[in-house]
C-alpha atoms as a PDB file:
ATOM      1  CA  SER A   1      54.924  82.424  72.485  1.00  0.00           C
ATOM      2  CA  PRO A   2      51.718  82.618  70.442  1.00  0.00           C
ATOM      3  CA  ALA A   3      53.626  81.472  67.351  1.00  0.00           C
ATOM      4  CA  SER A   4      54.191  78.062  68.917  1.00  0.00           C
ATOM      5  CA  PHE A   5      50.408  77.565  69.184  1.00  0.00           C
ATOM      6  CA  ALA A   6      50.022  78.244  65.470  1.00  0.00           C
ATOM      7  CA  SER A   7      52.476  75.454  64.653  1.00  0.00           C
ATOM      8  CA  PRO A   8      51.030  72.289  63.176  1.00  0.00           C
ATOM      9  CA  GLU A   9      52.162  70.160  66.106  1.00  0.00           C
ATOM     10  CA  MET A  10      52.212  70.705  69.859  1.00  0.00           C
ATOM     11  CA  ARG A  11      53.423  68.226  72.443  1.00  0.00           C
ATOM     12  CA  TRP A  12      51.143  67.601  75.422  1.00  0.00           C
ATOM     13  CA  LEU A  13      52.943  66.322  78.558  1.00  0.00           C
ATOM     14  CA  ILE A  14      50.356  64.769  80.856  1.00  0.00           C
ATOM     15  CA  ASP A  15      50.739  64.018  84.566  1.00  0.00           C
ATOM     16  CA  CYS A  16      48.470  60.993  84.374  1.00  0.00           C
ATOM     17  CA  TYR A  17      47.846  60.113  87.981  1.00  0.00           C
ATOM     18  CA  ASN A  18      47.204  63.783  88.728  1.00  0.00           C
ATOM     19  CA  VAL A  19      44.582  63.893  85.956  1.00  0.00           C
ATOM     20  CA  ILE A  20      43.033  60.565  86.998  1.00  0.00           C
ATOM     21  CA  ARG A  21      42.719  61.585  90.649  1.00  0.00           C
ATOM     22  CA  ARG A  22      41.119  64.941  89.867  1.00  0.00           C
ATOM     23  CA  ASP A  23      38.339  63.588  87.646  1.00  0.00           C
ATOM     24  CA  PRO A  24      35.493  61.712  89.390  1.00  0.00           C
ATOM     25  CA  ASP A  25      34.909  59.230  86.538  1.00  0.00           C
ATOM     26  CA  LEU A  26      38.589  58.383  86.106  1.00  0.00           C
ATOM     27  CA  ARG A  27      39.069  58.223  89.870  1.00  0.00           C
ATOM     28  CA  GLY A  28      36.188  55.717  90.034  1.00  0.00           C
ATOM     29  CA  ASP A  29      37.948  53.550  87.454  1.00  0.00           C
ATOM     30  CA  GLU A  30      41.192  53.772  89.429  1.00  0.00           C
ATOM     31  CA  GLU A  31      39.389  52.679  92.622  1.00  0.00           C
ATOM     32  CA  ARG A  32      38.593  49.372  90.879  1.00  0.00           C
ATOM     33  CA  SER A  33      42.262  48.955  89.952  1.00  0.00           C
ATOM     34  CA  LEU A  34      45.260  51.062  89.059  1.00  0.00           C
ATOM     35  CA  GLU A  35      45.280  49.463  85.626  1.00  0.00           C
ATOM     36  CA  ALA A  36      41.584  50.307  85.069  1.00  0.00           C
ATOM     37  CA  GLY A  37      42.334  53.973  85.784  1.00  0.00           C
ATOM     38  CA  ARG A  38      45.257  53.988  83.350  1.00  0.00           C
ATOM     39  CA  THR A  39      43.228  52.283  80.662  1.00  0.00           C
ATOM     40  CA  ALA A  40      40.287  54.663  81.073  1.00  0.00           C
ATOM     41  CA  LEU A  41      42.545  57.704  80.677  1.00  0.00           C
ATOM     42  CA  LEU A  42      44.319  56.236  77.650  1.00  0.00           C
ATOM     43  CA  ARG A  43      40.982  55.384  76.044  1.00  0.00           C
ATOM     44  CA  LEU A  44      39.756  58.948  76.623  1.00  0.00           C
ATOM     45  CA  LEU A  45      42.926  60.380  75.098  1.00  0.00           C
ATOM     46  CA  ALA A  46      43.008  57.968  72.142  1.00  0.00           C
ATOM     47  CA  SER A  47      39.702  59.262  70.810  1.00  0.00           C
ATOM     48  CA  HIS A  48      41.123  62.801  70.679  1.00  0.00           C
ATOM     49  CA  VAL A  49      44.568  61.894  69.405  1.00  0.00           C
ATOM     50  CA  ARG A  50      43.119  60.483  66.181  1.00  0.00           C
ATOM     51  CA  GLU A  51      41.739  63.902  65.222  1.00  0.00           C
ATOM     52  CA  SER A  52      44.627  66.022  66.442  1.00  0.00           C
ATOM     53  CA  PRO A  53      47.901  66.953  64.753  1.00  0.00           C
ATOM     54  CA  ASP A  54      49.501  67.054  68.227  1.00  0.00           C
ATOM     55  CA  ARG A  55      51.568  64.473  70.114  1.00  0.00           C
ATOM     56  CA  PHE A  56      50.514  63.367  73.575  1.00  0.00           C
ATOM     57  CA  THR A  57      52.979  61.960  76.118  1.00  0.00           C
ATOM     58  CA  VAL A  58      51.401  60.419  79.184  1.00  0.00           C
ATOM     59  CA  VAL A  59      53.686  59.838  82.145  1.00  0.00           C
ATOM     60  CA  PHE A  60      52.997  57.300  84.881  1.00  0.00           C
ATOM     61  CA  ASP A  61      54.917  56.479  88.038  1.00  0.00           C
ATOM     62  CA  GLY A  62      56.475  53.049  88.311  1.00  0.00           C
ATOM     63  CA  ALA A  63      57.154  50.171  86.010  1.00  0.00           C
ATOM     64  CA  ARG A  64      54.813  48.970  83.309  1.00  0.00           C
ATOM     65  CA  VAL A  65      52.518  46.266  84.582  1.00  0.00           C
ATOM     66  CA  ARG A  66      52.477  43.130  82.440  1.00  0.00           C
ATOM     67  CA  GLY A  67      49.643  43.432  79.941  1.00  0.00           C
ATOM     68  CA  GLY A  68      48.892  46.995  80.954  1.00  0.00           C
ATOM     69  CA  ALA A  69      48.815  50.135  78.835  1.00  0.00           C
ATOM     70  CA  ALA A  70      51.644  48.823  76.687  1.00  0.00           C
ATOM     71  CA  SER A  71      50.806  49.896  73.178  1.00  0.00           C
ATOM     72  CA  PRO A  72      48.540  52.840  72.458  1.00  0.00           C
ATOM     73  CA  PRO A  73      46.662  52.603  69.144  1.00  0.00           C
ATOM     74  CA  ASP A  74      48.316  55.721  67.691  1.00  0.00           C
ATOM     75  CA  ALA A  75      51.993  56.629  67.422  1.00  0.00           C
ATOM     76  CA  ARG A  76      51.163  60.195  68.522  1.00  0.00           C
ATOM     77  CA  LEU A  77      50.167  58.839  71.949  1.00  0.00           C
ATOM     78  CA  GLU A  78      53.294  57.848  73.846  1.00  0.00           C
ATOM     79  CA  VAL A  79      53.165  56.120  77.228  1.00  0.00           C
ATOM     80  CA  VAL A  80      56.141  56.671  79.534  1.00  0.00           C
ATOM     81  CA  PHE A  81      56.699  54.947  82.869  1.00  0.00           C
ATOM     82  CA  SER A  82      59.251  56.432  85.253  1.00  0.00           C
ATOM     83  CA  ARG A  83      62.029  54.153  86.411  1.00  0.00           C
ATOM     84  CA  PRO A  84      63.011  54.164  90.071  1.00  0.00           C
ATOM     85  CA  PRO A  85      64.522  56.201  91.631  1.00  0.00           C
ATOM     86  CA  GLN A  86      62.914  58.753  89.301  1.00  0.00           C
ATOM     87  CA  THR A  87      59.274  59.688  89.720  1.00  0.00           C
ATOM     88  CA  ALA A  88      56.766  60.713  87.053  1.00  0.00           C
ATOM     89  CA  ASP A  89      57.231  64.282  88.345  1.00  0.00           C
ATOM     90  CA  ASP A  90      60.961  64.094  87.583  1.00  0.00           C
ATOM     91  CA  VAL A  91      60.281  62.771  84.077  1.00  0.00           C
ATOM     92  CA  LEU A  92      57.658  65.455  83.363  1.00  0.00           C
ATOM     93  CA  ILE A  93      59.979  68.215  84.543  1.00  0.00           C
ATOM     94  CA  ARG A  94      62.822  66.872  82.371  1.00  0.00           C
ATOM     95  CA  LEU A  95      60.546  66.633  79.306  1.00  0.00           C
ATOM     96  CA  ALA A  96      59.211  70.152  79.912  1.00  0.00           C
ATOM     97  CA  ARG A  97      62.762  71.537  80.072  1.00  0.00           C
ATOM     98  CA  GLN A  98      63.659  69.752  76.837  1.00  0.00           C
ATOM     99  CA  ALA A  99      60.562  70.926  74.951  1.00  0.00           C
ATOM    100  CA  GLY A 100      60.218  74.450  76.350  1.00  0.00           C
ATOM    101  CA  ALA A 101      57.473  76.500  74.692  1.00  0.00           C
ATOM    102  CA  GLY A 102      56.813  73.661  72.231  1.00  0.00           C
ATOM    103  CA  ALA A 103      54.924  71.711  74.884  1.00  0.00           C
ATOM    104  CA  VAL A 104      51.891  72.128  77.100  1.00  0.00           C
ATOM    105  CA  VAL A 105      52.108  70.569  80.564  1.00  0.00           C
ATOM    106  CA  ILE A 106      48.934  69.112  82.052  1.00  0.00           C
ATOM    107  CA  SER A 107      49.068  68.985  85.839  1.00  0.00           C
ATOM    108  CA  SER A 108      47.687  70.609  88.953  1.00  0.00           C
ATOM    109  CA  ASP A 109      50.740  69.596  90.995  1.00  0.00           C
ATOM    110  CA  ARG A 110      52.431  72.799  92.203  1.00  0.00           C
ATOM    111  CA  LYS A 111      55.969  71.397  91.821  1.00  0.00           C
ATOM    112  CA  ILE A 112      55.357  70.455  88.175  1.00  0.00           C
ATOM    113  CA  VAL A 113      53.446  73.658  87.392  1.00  0.00           C
ATOM    114  CA  ASP A 114      56.262  75.842  88.724  1.00  0.00           C
ATOM    115  CA  ALA A 115      58.991  73.878  86.909  1.00  0.00           C
ATOM    116  CA  ALA A 116      57.033  73.905  83.628  1.00  0.00           C
ATOM    117  CA  ARG A 117      56.511  77.663  83.794  1.00  0.00           C
ATOM    118  CA  ARG A 118      60.226  78.172  84.468  1.00  0.00           C
ATOM    119  CA  ALA A 119      60.905  76.044  81.347  1.00  0.00           C
ATOM    120  CA  GLY A 120      58.605  78.289  79.290  1.00  0.00           C
ATOM    121  CA  CYS A 121      55.776  75.754  78.905  1.00  0.00           C
ATOM    122  CA  PRO A 122      52.148  76.782  79.138  1.00  0.00           C
ATOM    123  CA  VAL A 123      50.363  74.871  81.896  1.00  0.00           C
ATOM    124  CA  VAL A 124      46.790  73.591  81.912  1.00  0.00           C
ATOM    125  CA  GLY A 125      45.250  72.288  85.107  1.00  0.00           C
ATOM    126  CA  ALA A 126      44.056  68.683  85.208  1.00  0.00           C
ATOM    127  CA  GLU A 127      40.396  69.684  85.652  1.00  0.00           C
ATOM    128  CA  GLU A 128      40.546  72.152  82.751  1.00  0.00           C
ATOM    129  CA  PHE A 129      42.143  69.529  80.519  1.00  0.00           C
ATOM    130  CA  VAL A 130      39.468  66.913  81.223  1.00  0.00           C
ATOM    131  CA  ALA A 131      36.782  69.579  80.694  1.00  0.00           C
ATOM    132  CA  GLY A 132      38.414  70.462  77.359  1.00  0.00           C
ATOM    133  CA  LEU A 133      38.364  66.816  76.304  1.00  0.00           C
ATOM    134  CA  ALA A 134      34.736  66.524  77.398  1.00  0.00           C
ATOM    135  CA  ALA A 135      33.808  69.663  75.440  1.00  0.00           C
ATOM    136  CA  ARG A 136      35.452  68.191  72.359  1.00  0.00           C
ATOM    137  CA  ALA A 137      33.594  64.901  72.822  1.00  0.00           C
ATOM    138  CA  GLY A 138      30.359  66.862  73.093  1.00  0.00           C
ATOM    139  CA  GLY A 139      31.174  68.677  69.867  1.00  0.00           C
ATOM    140  CA  GLY A 140      30.950  72.095  71.464  1.00  0.00           C
ATOM    141  CA  GLU A 141      33.284  74.492  73.056  1.00  0.00           C
ATOM    142  CA  GLY A 142      31.771  73.856  76.456  1.00  0.00           C
ATOM    143  CA  GLU A 143      29.664  76.184  78.464  1.00  0.00           C
ATOM    144  CA  LYS A 144      31.643  78.534  80.617  1.00  0.00           C
ATOM    145  CA  ASP A 145      30.074  80.235  83.557  1.00  0.00           C
ATOM    146  CA  ASP A 146      31.789  83.370  84.802  1.00  0.00           C
ATOM    147  CA  ASP A 147      30.816  82.506  88.379  1.00  0.00           C
ATOM    148  CA  ASP A 148      32.823  79.270  88.215  1.00  0.00           C
ATOM    149  CA  GLU A 149      36.126  80.965  87.454  1.00  0.00           C
ATOM    150  CA  GLU A 150      38.542  81.936  90.170  1.00  0.00           C
ATOM    151  CA  ARG A 151      39.006  85.644  90.429  1.00  0.00           C
ATOM    152  CA  PRO A 152      42.690  86.526  90.171  1.00  0.00           C
ATOM    153  CA  ARG A 153      44.158  88.812  92.786  1.00  0.00           C
ATOM    154  CA  PRO A 154      44.229  92.509  91.882  1.00  0.00           C
ATOM    155  CA  LYS A 155      46.969  93.373  89.442  1.00  0.00           C
ATOM    156  CA  ARG A 156      48.277  96.269  87.477  1.00  0.00           C
ATOM    157  CA  GLY A 157      47.194  96.937  83.914  1.00  0.00           C
ATOM    158  CA  ASN A 158      43.953  96.054  82.215  1.00  0.00           C
ATOM    159  CA  PRO A 159      41.776  94.280  84.816  1.00  0.00           C
ATOM    160  CA  ARG A 160      39.797  92.472  82.106  1.00  0.00           C
ATOM    161  CA  ARG A 161      42.839  90.897  80.507  1.00  0.00           C
ATOM    162  CA  LEU A 162      43.856  87.448  81.676  1.00  0.00           C
ATOM    163  CA  SER A 163      47.394  86.845  82.855  1.00  0.00           C
ATOM    164  CA  LYS A 164      49.973  85.711  80.324  1.00  0.00           C
ATOM    165  CA  ASP A 165      49.890  82.185  81.789  1.00  0.00           C
ATOM    166  CA  ALA A 166      46.087  82.055  81.661  1.00  0.00           C
ATOM    167  CA  ARG A 167      46.056  83.216  78.019  1.00  0.00           C
ATOM    168  CA  ALA A 168      48.636  80.538  77.118  1.00  0.00           C
ATOM    169  CA  ALA A 169      46.510  77.876  78.819  1.00  0.00           C
ATOM    170  CA  GLN A 170      43.413  79.050  76.921  1.00  0.00           C
ATOM    171  CA  ARG A 171      45.270  78.901  73.593  1.00  0.00           C
ATOM    172  CA  ALA A 172      46.379  75.366  74.418  1.00  0.00           C
ATOM    173  CA  LEU A 173      42.852  74.291  75.351  1.00  0.00           C
ATOM    174  CA  ARG A 174      41.498  75.704  72.078  1.00  0.00           C
ATOM    175  CA  ARG A 175      43.705  73.166  70.296  1.00  0.00           C
ATOM    176  CA  LEU A 176      41.530  70.435  71.818  1.00  0.00           C
ATOM    177  CA  GLN A 177      38.419  71.834  70.130  1.00  0.00           C
ATOM    178  CA  PRO A 178      37.310  70.230  66.862  1.00  0.00           C
ATOM    179  CA  ARG A 179      38.370  72.120  63.792  1.00  0.00           C
ATOM    180  CA  PRO A 180      35.360  72.741  61.536  1.00  0.00           C
ATOM    181  CA  GLU A 181      35.791  71.632  57.952  1.00  0.00           C
ATOM    182  CA  ARG A 182      35.830  74.650  55.746  1.00  0.00           C
ATOM    183  CA  CYS A 183      33.100  74.657  53.136  1.00  0.00           C
ATOM    184  CA  LEU A 184      33.912  76.203  49.798  1.00  0.00           C
ATOM    185  CA  GLY A 185      31.240  78.807  49.168  1.00  0.00           C
ATOM    186  CA  VAL A 186      30.361  80.594  45.930  1.00  0.00           C
ATOM    187  CA  HIS A 187      32.468  83.587  46.904  1.00  0.00           C
ATOM    188  CA  ASP A 188      35.468  81.356  47.665  1.00  0.00           C
ATOM    189  CA  ALA A 189      35.071  79.528  44.341  1.00  0.00           C
ATOM    190  CA  LEU A 190      35.008  82.822  42.435  1.00  0.00           C
ATOM    191  CA  VAL A 191      38.096  84.084  44.270  1.00  0.00           C
ATOM    192  CA  GLN A 192      40.020  80.979  43.209  1.00  0.00           C
ATOM    193  CA  PHE A 193      39.507  81.723  39.493  1.00  0.00           C
END
């Protein structure tokens, strides 16, 4: 629901290896070593977590490697490793069911996307999420080219209106954008008195 996006805190559930393997820079780090890929993603997220009221939960497959990705610099960035026989997908699906509409799931994995939508979570694709982080790092809202977007199949209703899922994903991505500091103008100062 739109009200959940207006709340002061949103939980982001991130399918880490899915994000890493869909971004060329992160994938390049992972090709050097699995740990390098993890660290690069956590470093990218840490810079955004500091400025966000939201909580970010990153989920990796497998056990924590000694000395690797153990303690993020901010308590709002939680690192979770699945324990065999569970996979990161299983953990993400469980967390999405627990959080419902209070969480945004970041993945392009069809199994996770479908389960998250059934749980009532908005879903943002891995590529869109990285682009949203990059737009925030650049200080802008990112340039969007209409030719780059996939055209949805014909549907009933207003053809210019995005689907409910697409609107939820856009609202979630807007939370990644920097919030401008509000300047108190003369008019605002007069209204206060």
